[in-house]
Amino acid sequence: MEVRLQKFMAENGVASRRKSEKLILQGKVKVNGKIVTELGTKIDDEKDIVEFDGKQIQKIDKKHIYILLNKPIGYVTTAKDQFGRDTVMDLIKVDRRVVPVRKT
């Protein structure tokens, strides 16, 4: 299936889509051995080999799981906290990429 390169990178845990765009523009991404610097480049996620910093990006199973969590007091809803506070990621131990989402 054809997909935009930055979307492929984001879906497979390299970085967010916007950060992936910056990495592409910086020339840090290769597709089939060639450096790609053009945004919007489409790849075949079944056939093409995508590398970031010399390592091949492995395609992750796209099945999503949803976890509903009653966040304890003292935890923040984020993957990383710049102030070193406890995050919801400290409470969840799964072998998949987790994207914390806060109900407003």
PDB file of N, CA and C in Angstrom:
ATOM      1  N   MET A   1       0.839  -1.177   0.000  1.00  0.00           N
ATOM      2  CA  MET A   1       0.000   0.000   0.000  1.00  0.00           C
ATOM      3  C   MET A   1       0.885   1.242   0.000  1.00  0.00           C
ATOM      4  N   GLU A   2       0.561   2.210  -0.824  1.00  0.00           N
ATOM      5  CA  GLU A   2       1.338   3.446  -0.875  1.00  0.00           C
ATOM      6  C   GLU A   2       0.948   4.364   0.279  1.00  0.00           C
ATOM      7  N   VAL A   3       1.971   4.939   0.921  1.00  0.00           N
ATOM      8  CA  VAL A   3       1.754   5.823   2.056  1.00  0.00           C
ATOM      9  C   VAL A   3       2.858   6.878   2.053  1.00  0.00           C
ATOM     10  N   ARG A   4       2.553   8.057   2.569  1.00  0.00           N
ATOM     11  CA  ARG A   4       3.573   9.098   2.657  1.00  0.00           C
ATOM     12  C   ARG A   4       4.656   8.671   3.648  1.00  0.00           C
ATOM     13  N   LEU A   5       5.876   8.999   3.311  1.00  0.00           N
ATOM     14  CA  LEU A   5       7.027   8.583   4.100  1.00  0.00           C
ATOM     15  C   LEU A   5       6.929   9.041   5.552  1.00  0.00           C
ATOM     16  N   GLN A   6       6.571  10.318   5.782  1.00  0.00           N
ATOM     17  CA  GLN A   6       6.505  10.818   7.147  1.00  0.00           C
ATOM     18  C   GLN A   6       5.406  10.124   7.957  1.00  0.00           C
ATOM     19  N   LYS A   7       4.338   9.729   7.298  1.00  0.00           N
ATOM     20  CA  LYS A   7       3.267   9.002   7.984  1.00  0.00           C
ATOM     21  C   LYS A   7       3.753   7.606   8.370  1.00  0.00           C
ATOM     22  N   PHE A   8       4.456   6.954   7.449  1.00  0.00           N
ATOM     23  CA  PHE A   8       5.029   5.633   7.728  1.00  0.00           C
ATOM     24  C   PHE A   8       5.956   5.692   8.939  1.00  0.00           C
ATOM     25  N   MET A   9       6.801   6.723   8.971  1.00  0.00           N
ATOM     26  CA  MET A   9       7.740   6.860  10.086  1.00  0.00           C
ATOM     27  C   MET A   9       7.004   7.071  11.411  1.00  0.00           C
ATOM     28  N   ALA A  10       5.983   7.910  11.393  1.00  0.00           N
ATOM     29  CA  ALA A  10       5.226   8.196  12.610  1.00  0.00           C
ATOM     30  C   ALA A  10       4.482   6.954  13.096  1.00  0.00           C
ATOM     31  N   GLU A  11       3.867   6.230  12.178  1.00  0.00           N
ATOM     32  CA  GLU A  11       3.109   5.039  12.548  1.00  0.00           C
ATOM     33  C   GLU A  11       3.991   3.931  13.095  1.00  0.00           C
ATOM     34  N   ASN A  12       5.273   3.972  12.758  1.00  0.00           N
ATOM     35  CA  ASN A  12       6.178   2.916  13.189  1.00  0.00           C
ATOM     36  C   ASN A  12       7.136   3.358  14.289  1.00  0.00           C
ATOM     37  N   GLY A  13       6.775   4.447  14.971  1.00  0.00           N
ATOM     38  CA  GLY A  13       7.443   4.819  16.205  1.00  0.00           C
ATOM     39  C   GLY A  13       8.755   5.565  16.100  1.00  0.00           C
ATOM     40  N   VAL A  14       9.097   6.087  14.922  1.00  0.00           N
ATOM     41  CA  VAL A  14      10.350   6.832  14.783  1.00  0.00           C
ATOM     42  C   VAL A  14      10.232   8.196  15.454  1.00  0.00           C
ATOM     43  N   ALA A  15       9.188   8.925  15.106  1.00  0.00           N
ATOM     44  CA  ALA A  15       8.955  10.272  15.640  1.00  0.00           C
ATOM     45  C   ALA A  15       7.548  10.686  15.240  1.00  0.00           C
ATOM     46  N   SER A  16       7.111  11.832  15.733  1.00  0.00           N
ATOM     47  CA  SER A  16       5.817  12.349  15.295  1.00  0.00           C
ATOM     48  C   SER A  16       5.890  12.667  13.800  1.00  0.00           C
ATOM     49  N   ARG A  17       4.743  12.883  13.189  1.00  0.00           N
ATOM     50  CA  ARG A  17       4.733  13.185  11.750  1.00  0.00           C
ATOM     51  C   ARG A  17       5.512  14.456  11.451  1.00  0.00           C
ATOM     52  N   ARG A  18       5.321  15.498  12.249  1.00  0.00           N
ATOM     53  CA  ARG A  18       6.039  16.765  12.032  1.00  0.00           C
ATOM     54  C   ARG A  18       7.541  16.599  12.249  1.00  0.00           C
ATOM     55  N   LYS A  19       7.924  15.881  13.282  1.00  0.00           N
ATOM     56  CA  LYS A  19       9.350  15.642  13.541  1.00  0.00           C
ATOM     57  C   LYS A  19       9.947  14.780  12.418  1.00  0.00           C
ATOM     58  N   SER A  20       9.164  13.831  11.919  1.00  0.00           N
ATOM     59  CA  SER A  20       9.628  13.000  10.801  1.00  0.00           C
ATOM     60  C   SER A  20       9.876  13.847   9.569  1.00  0.00           C
ATOM     61  N   GLU A  21       9.024  14.848   9.337  1.00  0.00           N
ATOM     62  CA  GLU A  21       9.243  15.760   8.206  1.00  0.00           C
ATOM     63  C   GLU A  21      10.575  16.478   8.340  1.00  0.00           C
ATOM     64  N   LYS A  22      10.915  16.916   9.546  1.00  0.00           N
ATOM     65  CA  LYS A  22      12.203  17.593   9.773  1.00  0.00           C
ATOM     66  C   LYS A  22      13.366  16.644   9.522  1.00  0.00           C
ATOM     67  N   LEU A  23      13.228  15.387   9.962  1.00  0.00           N
ATOM     68  CA  LEU A  23      14.296  14.406   9.751  1.00  0.00           C
ATOM     69  C   LEU A  23      14.500  14.137   8.264  1.00  0.00           C
ATOM     70  N   ILE A  24      13.409  14.113   7.506  1.00  0.00           N
ATOM     71  CA  ILE A  24      13.507  13.916   6.052  1.00  0.00           C
ATOM     72  C   ILE A  24      14.237  15.095   5.417  1.00  0.00           C
ATOM     73  N   LEU A  25      13.843  16.317   5.781  1.00  0.00           N
ATOM     74  CA  LEU A  25      14.482  17.512   5.228  1.00  0.00           C
ATOM     75  C   LEU A  25      15.965  17.598   5.583  1.00  0.00           C
ATOM     76  N   GLN A  26      16.354  17.030   6.732  1.00  0.00           N
ATOM     77  CA  GLN A  26      17.755  17.035   7.157  1.00  0.00           C
ATOM     78  C   GLN A  26      18.578  15.953   6.463  1.00  0.00           C
ATOM     79  N   GLY A  27      17.928  15.129   5.634  1.00  0.00           N
ATOM     80  CA  GLY A  27      18.644  14.090   4.891  1.00  0.00           C
ATOM     81  C   GLY A  27      19.015  12.884   5.727  1.00  0.00           C
ATOM     82  N   LYS A  28      18.268  12.605   6.780  1.00  0.00           N
ATOM     83  CA  LYS A  28      18.578  11.486   7.670  1.00  0.00           C
ATOM     84  C   LYS A  28      17.798  10.218   7.343  1.00  0.00           C
ATOM     85  N   VAL A  29      17.019  10.250   6.250  1.00  0.00           N
ATOM     86  CA  VAL A  29      16.165   9.113   5.909  1.00  0.00           C
ATOM     87  C   VAL A  29      16.516   8.608   4.512  1.00  0.00           C
ATOM     88  N   LYS A  30      16.625   7.285   4.397  1.00  0.00           N
ATOM     89  CA  LYS A  30      16.885   6.648   3.107  1.00  0.00           C
ATOM     90  C   LYS A  30      15.732   5.725   2.752  1.00  0.00           C
ATOM     91  N   VAL A  31      15.414   5.697   1.462  1.00  0.00           N
ATOM     92  CA  VAL A  31      14.442   4.750   0.934  1.00  0.00           C
ATOM     93  C   VAL A  31      15.153   3.952  -0.143  1.00  0.00           C
ATOM     94  N   ASN A  32      15.215   2.652   0.058  1.00  0.00           N
ATOM     95  CA  ASN A  32      15.912   1.749  -0.869  1.00  0.00           C
ATOM     96  C   ASN A  32      17.347   2.207  -1.130  1.00  0.00           C
ATOM     97  N   GLY A  33      18.016   2.669  -0.063  1.00  0.00           N
ATOM     98  CA  GLY A  33      19.420   3.047  -0.154  1.00  0.00           C
ATOM     99  C   GLY A  33      19.701   4.458  -0.634  1.00  0.00           C
ATOM    100  N   LYS A  34      18.661   5.210  -0.994  1.00  0.00           N
ATOM    101  CA  LYS A  34      18.850   6.577  -1.480  1.00  0.00           C
ATOM    102  C   LYS A  34      18.291   7.577  -0.476  1.00  0.00           C
ATOM    103  N   ILE A  35      19.048   8.634  -0.204  1.00  0.00           N
ATOM    104  CA  ILE A  35      18.593   9.678   0.710  1.00  0.00           C
ATOM    105  C   ILE A  35      17.415  10.412   0.093  1.00  0.00           C
ATOM    106  N   VAL A  36      16.374  10.607   0.905  1.00  0.00           N
ATOM    107  CA  VAL A  36      15.171  11.311   0.466  1.00  0.00           C
ATOM    108  C   VAL A  36      15.060  12.609   1.253  1.00  0.00           C
ATOM    109  N   THR A  37      14.874  13.727   0.541  1.00  0.00           N
ATOM    110  CA  THR A  37      14.729  15.022   1.217  1.00  0.00           C
ATOM    111  C   THR A  37      13.457  15.755   0.787  1.00  0.00           C
ATOM    112  N   GLU A  38      12.622  15.095   0.007  1.00  0.00           N
ATOM    113  CA  GLU A  38      11.403  15.730  -0.485  1.00  0.00           C
ATOM    114  C   GLU A  38      10.204  15.269   0.334  1.00  0.00           C
ATOM    115  N   LEU A  39       9.484  16.236   0.907  1.00  0.00           N
ATOM    116  CA  LEU A  39       8.292  15.911   1.684  1.00  0.00           C
ATOM    117  C   LEU A  39       7.193  15.420   0.762  1.00  0.00           C
ATOM    118  N   GLY A  40       6.374  14.518   1.260  1.00  0.00           N
ATOM    119  CA  GLY A  40       5.282  13.981   0.457  1.00  0.00           C
ATOM    120  C   GLY A  40       5.691  12.791  -0.382  1.00  0.00           C
ATOM    121  N   THR A  41       6.949  12.363  -0.273  1.00  0.00           N
ATOM    122  CA  THR A  41       7.408  11.188  -1.004  1.00  0.00           C
ATOM    123  C   THR A  41       6.575   9.994  -0.569  1.00  0.00           C
ATOM    124  N   LYS A  42       6.086   9.243  -1.544  1.00  0.00           N
ATOM    125  CA  LYS A  42       5.281   8.068  -1.231  1.00  0.00           C
ATOM    126  C   LYS A  42       6.121   6.814  -1.364  1.00  0.00           C
ATOM    127  N   ILE A  43       5.858   5.870  -0.466  1.00  0.00           N
ATOM    128  CA  ILE A  43       6.567   4.595  -0.485  1.00  0.00           C
ATOM    129  C   ILE A  43       5.542   3.468  -0.481  1.00  0.00           C
ATOM    130  N   ASP A  44       5.977   2.304  -0.898  1.00  0.00           N
ATOM    131  CA  ASP A  44       5.174   1.093  -0.771  1.00  0.00           C
ATOM    132  C   ASP A  44       5.614   0.447   0.531  1.00  0.00           C
ATOM    133  N   ASP A  45       4.754   0.497   1.545  1.00  0.00           N
ATOM    134  CA  ASP A  45       5.156   0.031   2.867  1.00  0.00           C
ATOM    135  C   ASP A  45       5.350  -1.484   2.943  1.00  0.00           C
ATOM    136  N   GLU A  46       4.989  -2.196   1.879  1.00  0.00           N
ATOM    137  CA  GLU A  46       5.203  -3.644   1.842  1.00  0.00           C
ATOM    138  C   GLU A  46       6.542  -4.009   1.189  1.00  0.00           C
ATOM    139  N   LYS A  47       7.018  -3.158   0.259  1.00  0.00           N
ATOM    140  CA  LYS A  47       8.204  -3.507  -0.524  1.00  0.00           C
ATOM    141  C   LYS A  47       9.427  -2.649  -0.232  1.00  0.00           C
ATOM    142  N   ASP A  48       9.227  -1.354  -0.030  1.00  0.00           N
ATOM    143  CA  ASP A  48      10.362  -0.443   0.122  1.00  0.00           C
ATOM    144  C   ASP A  48      11.052  -0.616   1.473  1.00  0.00           C
ATOM    145  N   ILE A  49      12.364  -0.399   1.457  1.00  0.00           N
ATOM    146  CA  ILE A  49      13.165  -0.464   2.679  1.00  0.00           C
ATOM    147  C   ILE A  49      13.467   0.961   3.109  1.00  0.00           C
ATOM    148  N   VAL A  50      13.017   1.317   4.299  1.00  0.00           N
ATOM    149  CA  VAL A  50      13.204   2.668   4.828  1.00  0.00           C
ATOM    150  C   VAL A  50      14.188   2.600   5.987  1.00  0.00           C
ATOM    151  N   GLU A  51      15.193   3.497   5.952  1.00  0.00           N
ATOM    152  CA  GLU A  51      16.205   3.548   7.003  1.00  0.00           C
ATOM    153  C   GLU A  51      16.261   4.935   7.612  1.00  0.00           C
ATOM    154  N   PHE A  52      16.470   4.981   8.914  1.00  0.00           N
ATOM    155  CA  PHE A  52      16.693   6.231   9.626  1.00  0.00           C
ATOM    156  C   PHE A  52      17.954   6.062  10.458  1.00  0.00           C
ATOM    157  N   ASP A  53      18.891   6.966  10.285  1.00  0.00           N
ATOM    158  CA  ASP A  53      20.201   6.898  10.963  1.00  0.00           C
ATOM    159  C   ASP A  53      20.860   5.530  10.806  1.00  0.00           C
ATOM    160  N   GLY A  54      20.757   4.964   9.602  1.00  0.00           N
ATOM    161  CA  GLY A  54      21.431   3.708   9.297  1.00  0.00           C
ATOM    162  C   GLY A  54      20.718   2.452   9.760  1.00  0.00           C
ATOM    163  N   LYS A  55      19.559   2.593  10.394  1.00  0.00           N
ATOM    164  CA  LYS A  55      18.814   1.427  10.874  1.00  0.00           C
ATOM    165  C   LYS A  55      17.497   1.312  10.124  1.00  0.00           C
ATOM    166  N   GLN A  56      17.173   0.084   9.729  1.00  0.00           N
ATOM    167  CA  GLN A  56      15.927  -0.142   9.003  1.00  0.00           C
ATOM    168  C   GLN A  56      14.739   0.036   9.943  1.00  0.00           C
ATOM    169  N   ILE A  57      13.722   0.729   9.459  1.00  0.00           N
ATOM    170  CA  ILE A  57      12.494   0.924  10.233  1.00  0.00           C
ATOM    171  C   ILE A  57      11.619  -0.297  10.015  1.00  0.00           C
ATOM    172  N   GLN A  58      11.303  -0.983  11.102  1.00  0.00           N
ATOM    173  CA  GLN A  58      10.461  -2.172  11.032  1.00  0.00           C
ATOM    174  C   GLN A  58       8.996  -1.778  11.078  1.00  0.00           C
ATOM    175  N   LYS A  59       8.215  -2.349  10.208  1.00  0.00           N
ATOM    176  CA  LYS A  59       6.782  -2.070  10.165  1.00  0.00           C
ATOM    177  C   LYS A  59       6.118  -2.710  11.381  1.00  0.00           C
ATOM    178  N   ILE A  60       5.318  -1.911  12.083  1.00  0.00           N
ATOM    179  CA  ILE A  60       4.625  -2.379  13.280  1.00  0.00           C
ATOM    180  C   ILE A  60       3.214  -2.794  12.904  1.00  0.00           C
ATOM    181  N   ASP A  61       2.736  -3.849  13.538  1.00  0.00           N
ATOM    182  CA  ASP A  61       1.359  -4.291  13.347  1.00  0.00           C
ATOM    183  C   ASP A  61       0.427  -3.134  13.666  1.00  0.00           C
ATOM    184  N   LYS A  62      -0.486  -2.808  12.755  1.00  0.00           N
ATOM    185  CA  LYS A  62      -1.321  -1.618  12.906  1.00  0.00           C
ATOM    186  C   LYS A  62      -2.557  -1.836  13.779  1.00  0.00           C
ATOM    187  N   LYS A  63      -2.696  -2.998  14.358  1.00  0.00           N
ATOM    188  CA  LYS A  63      -3.849  -3.213  15.221  1.00  0.00           C
ATOM    189  C   LYS A  63      -3.686  -2.338  16.461  1.00  0.00           C
ATOM    190  N   HIS A  64      -4.693  -1.549  16.719  1.00  0.00           N
ATOM    191  CA  HIS A  64      -4.638  -0.650  17.860  1.00  0.00           C
ATOM    192  C   HIS A  64      -5.296  -1.288  19.074  1.00  0.00           C
ATOM    193  N   ILE A  65      -4.758  -0.963  20.221  1.00  0.00           N
ATOM    194  CA  ILE A  65      -5.422  -1.324  21.458  1.00  0.00           C
ATOM    195  C   ILE A  65      -5.708  -0.027  22.198  1.00  0.00           C
ATOM    196  N   TYR A  66      -6.786  -0.019  22.919  1.00  0.00           N
ATOM    197  CA  TYR A  66      -7.163   1.170  23.667  1.00  0.00           C
ATOM    198  C   TYR A  66      -7.184   0.811  25.141  1.00  0.00           C
ATOM    199  N   ILE A  67      -6.596   1.672  25.954  1.00  0.00           N
ATOM    200  CA  ILE A  67      -6.544   1.457  27.390  1.00  0.00           C
ATOM    201  C   ILE A  67      -7.226   2.639  28.060  1.00  0.00           C
ATOM    202  N   LEU A  68      -8.246   2.356  28.821  1.00  0.00           N
ATOM    203  CA  LEU A  68      -8.912   3.397  29.590  1.00  0.00           C
ATOM    204  C   LEU A  68      -8.326   3.346  30.990  1.00  0.00           C
ATOM    205  N   LEU A  69      -7.797   4.467  31.435  1.00  0.00           N
ATOM    206  CA  LEU A  69      -7.094   4.503  32.712  1.00  0.00           C
ATOM    207  C   LEU A  69      -7.625   5.634  33.572  1.00  0.00           C
ATOM    208  N   ASN A  70      -7.999   5.315  34.771  1.00  0.00           N
ATOM    209  CA  ASN A  70      -8.326   6.353  35.742  1.00  0.00           C
ATOM    210  C   ASN A  70      -7.007   6.781  36.366  1.00  0.00           C
ATOM    211  N   LYS A  71      -6.526   7.904  35.924  1.00  0.00           N
ATOM    212  CA  LYS A  71      -5.202   8.381  36.308  1.00  0.00           C
ATOM    213  C   LYS A  71      -5.185   8.756  37.790  1.00  0.00           C
ATOM    214  N   PRO A  72      -4.242   8.180  38.535  1.00  0.00           N
ATOM    215  CA  PRO A  72      -4.118   8.547  39.945  1.00  0.00           C
ATOM    216  C   PRO A  72      -3.635   9.991  40.103  1.00  0.00           C
ATOM    217  N   ILE A  73      -3.961  10.599  41.206  1.00  0.00           N
ATOM    218  CA  ILE A  73      -3.477  11.951  41.515  1.00  0.00           C
ATOM    219  C   ILE A  73      -1.956  11.915  41.559  1.00  0.00           C
ATOM    220  N   GLY A  74      -1.333  12.936  41.012  1.00  0.00           N
ATOM    221  CA  GLY A  74       0.119  13.022  41.023  1.00  0.00           C
ATOM    222  C   GLY A  74       0.777  12.569  39.737  1.00  0.00           C
ATOM    223  N   TYR A  75       0.017  11.996  38.814  1.00  0.00           N
ATOM    224  CA  TYR A  75       0.547  11.574  37.520  1.00  0.00           C
ATOM    225  C   TYR A  75       0.080  12.550  36.452  1.00  0.00           C
ATOM    226  N   VAL A  76       0.908  12.748  35.428  1.00  0.00           N
ATOM    227  CA  VAL A  76       0.541  13.622  34.321  1.00  0.00           C
ATOM    228  C   VAL A  76       0.336  12.782  33.060  1.00  0.00           C
ATOM    229  N   THR A  77      -0.537  13.267  32.172  1.00  0.00           N
ATOM    230  CA  THR A  77      -0.869  12.547  30.947  1.00  0.00           C
ATOM    231  C   THR A  77       0.058  13.004  29.827  1.00  0.00           C
ATOM    232  N   THR A  78       1.190  12.357  29.746  1.00  0.00           N
ATOM    233  CA  THR A  78       2.182  12.635  28.715  1.00  0.00           C
ATOM    234  C   THR A  78       3.130  11.449  28.641  1.00  0.00           C
ATOM    235  N   ALA A  79       3.858  11.333  27.538  1.00  0.00           N
ATOM    236  CA  ALA A  79       4.824  10.249  27.407  1.00  0.00           C
ATOM    237  C   ALA A  79       6.110  10.579  28.160  1.00  0.00           C
ATOM    238  N   LYS A  80       6.536  11.832  28.109  1.00  0.00           N
ATOM    239  CA  LYS A  80       7.733  12.296  28.821  1.00  0.00           C
ATOM    240  C   LYS A  80       7.400  13.617  29.486  1.00  0.00           C
ATOM    241  N   ASP A  81       7.952  13.827  30.663  1.00  0.00           N
ATOM    242  CA  ASP A  81       7.713  15.092  31.346  1.00  0.00           C
ATOM    243  C   ASP A  81       9.038  15.797  31.562  1.00  0.00           C
ATOM    244  N   GLN A  82       9.126  17.023  31.111  1.00  0.00           N
ATOM    245  CA  GLN A  82      10.375  17.787  31.206  1.00  0.00           C
ATOM    246  C   GLN A  82      10.767  18.104  32.639  1.00  0.00           C
ATOM    247  N   PHE A  83       9.814  17.980  33.565  1.00  0.00           N
ATOM    248  CA  PHE A  83      10.091  18.302  34.969  1.00  0.00           C
ATOM    249  C   PHE A  83      10.333  17.056  35.816  1.00  0.00           C
ATOM    250  N   GLY A  84      10.317  15.884  35.174  1.00  0.00           N
ATOM    251  CA  GLY A  84      10.622  14.653  35.887  1.00  0.00           C
ATOM    252  C   GLY A  84       9.476  14.096  36.721  1.00  0.00           C
ATOM    253  N   ARG A  85       8.254  14.582  36.481  1.00  0.00           N
ATOM    254  CA  ARG A  85       7.105  14.074  37.232  1.00  0.00           C
ATOM    255  C   ARG A  85       6.722  12.678  36.742  1.00  0.00           C
ATOM    256  N   ASP A  86       5.990  11.947  37.561  1.00  0.00           N
ATOM    257  CA  ASP A  86       5.484  10.637  37.165  1.00  0.00           C
ATOM    258  C   ASP A  86       4.459  10.811  36.055  1.00  0.00           C
ATOM    259  N   THR A  87       4.511   9.923  35.046  1.00  0.00           N
ATOM    260  CA  THR A  87       3.576   9.997  33.926  1.00  0.00           C
ATOM    261  C   THR A  87       2.740   8.722  33.864  1.00  0.00           C
ATOM    262  N   VAL A  88       1.673   8.764  33.079  1.00  0.00           N
ATOM    263  CA  VAL A  88       0.845   7.577  32.908  1.00  0.00           C
ATOM    264  C   VAL A  88       1.640   6.431  32.275  1.00  0.00           C
ATOM    265  N   MET A  89       2.709   6.744  31.590  1.00  0.00           N
ATOM    266  CA  MET A  89       3.549   5.709  30.987  1.00  0.00           C
ATOM    267  C   MET A  89       4.213   4.843  32.053  1.00  0.00           C
ATOM    268  N   ASP A  90       4.389   5.391  33.257  1.00  0.00           N
ATOM    269  CA  ASP A  90       4.964   4.620  34.364  1.00  0.00           C
ATOM    270  C   ASP A  90       3.987   3.549  34.853  1.00  0.00           C
ATOM    271  N   LEU A  91       2.724   3.697  34.537  1.00  0.00           N
ATOM    272  CA  LEU A  91       1.687   2.774  35.002  1.00  0.00           C
ATOM    273  C   LEU A  91       1.370   1.680  33.988  1.00  0.00           C
ATOM    274  N   ILE A  92       1.746   1.902  32.727  1.00  0.00           N
ATOM    275  CA  ILE A  92       1.366   0.987  31.651  1.00  0.00           C
ATOM    276  C   ILE A  92       2.603   0.265  31.129  1.00  0.00           C
ATOM    277  N   LYS A  93       2.557  -1.039  31.130  1.00  0.00           N
ATOM    278  CA  LYS A  93       3.668  -1.845  30.618  1.00  0.00           C
ATOM    279  C   LYS A  93       3.150  -2.731  29.488  1.00  0.00           C
ATOM    280  N   VAL A  94       3.264  -2.245  28.260  1.00  0.00           N
ATOM    281  CA  VAL A  94       2.877  -3.015  27.081  1.00  0.00           C
ATOM    282  C   VAL A  94       4.004  -2.939  26.061  1.00  0.00           C
ATOM    283  N   ASP A  95       4.021  -3.887  25.139  1.00  0.00           N
ATOM    284  CA  ASP A  95       5.093  -3.933  24.140  1.00  0.00           C
ATOM    285  C   ASP A  95       4.711  -3.239  22.841  1.00  0.00           C
ATOM    286  N   ARG A  96       3.830  -2.264  22.923  1.00  0.00           N
ATOM    287  CA  ARG A  96       3.406  -1.498  21.761  1.00  0.00           C
ATOM    288  C   ARG A  96       3.633  -0.016  22.016  1.00  0.00           C
ATOM    289  N   ARG A  97       3.568   0.752  20.954  1.00  0.00           N
ATOM    290  CA  ARG A  97       3.669   2.200  21.077  1.00  0.00           C
ATOM    291  C   ARG A  97       2.396   2.717  21.747  1.00  0.00           C
ATOM    292  N   VAL A  98       2.558   3.551  22.748  1.00  0.00           N
ATOM    293  CA  VAL A  98       1.426   4.102  23.476  1.00  0.00           C
ATOM    294  C   VAL A  98       1.395   5.605  23.264  1.00  0.00           C
ATOM    295  N   VAL A  99       0.212   6.120  22.942  1.00  0.00           N
ATOM    296  CA  VAL A  99       0.025   7.551  22.760  1.00  0.00           C
ATOM    297  C   VAL A  99      -0.980   8.022  23.816  1.00  0.00           C
ATOM    298  N   PRO A 100      -0.507   8.703  24.850  1.00  0.00           N
ATOM    299  CA  PRO A 100      -1.438   9.173  25.877  1.00  0.00           C
ATOM    300  C   PRO A 100      -2.347  10.270  25.339  1.00  0.00           C
ATOM    301  N   VAL A 101      -3.625  10.162  25.672  1.00  0.00           N
ATOM    302  CA  VAL A 101      -4.620  11.144  25.272  1.00  0.00           C
ATOM    303  C   VAL A 101      -5.409  11.546  26.498  1.00  0.00           C
ATOM    304  N   ARG A 102      -5.565  12.846  26.691  1.00  0.00           N
ATOM    305  CA  ARG A 102      -6.272  13.356  27.858  1.00  0.00           C
ATOM    306  C   ARG A 102      -7.689  13.740  27.483  1.00  0.00           C
ATOM    307  N   LYS A 103      -8.647  13.343  28.283  1.00  0.00           N
ATOM    308  CA  LYS A 103     -10.029  13.770  28.079  1.00  0.00           C
ATOM    309  C   LYS A 103     -10.146  15.186  28.603  1.00  0.00           C
ATOM    310  N   THR A 104     -10.735  16.058  27.802  1.00  0.00           N
ATOM    311  CA  THR A 104     -10.869  17.443  28.237  1.00  0.00           C
ATOM    312  C   THR A 104     -12.207  17.707  28.867  1.00  0.00           C
TER     313      THR A 104
END
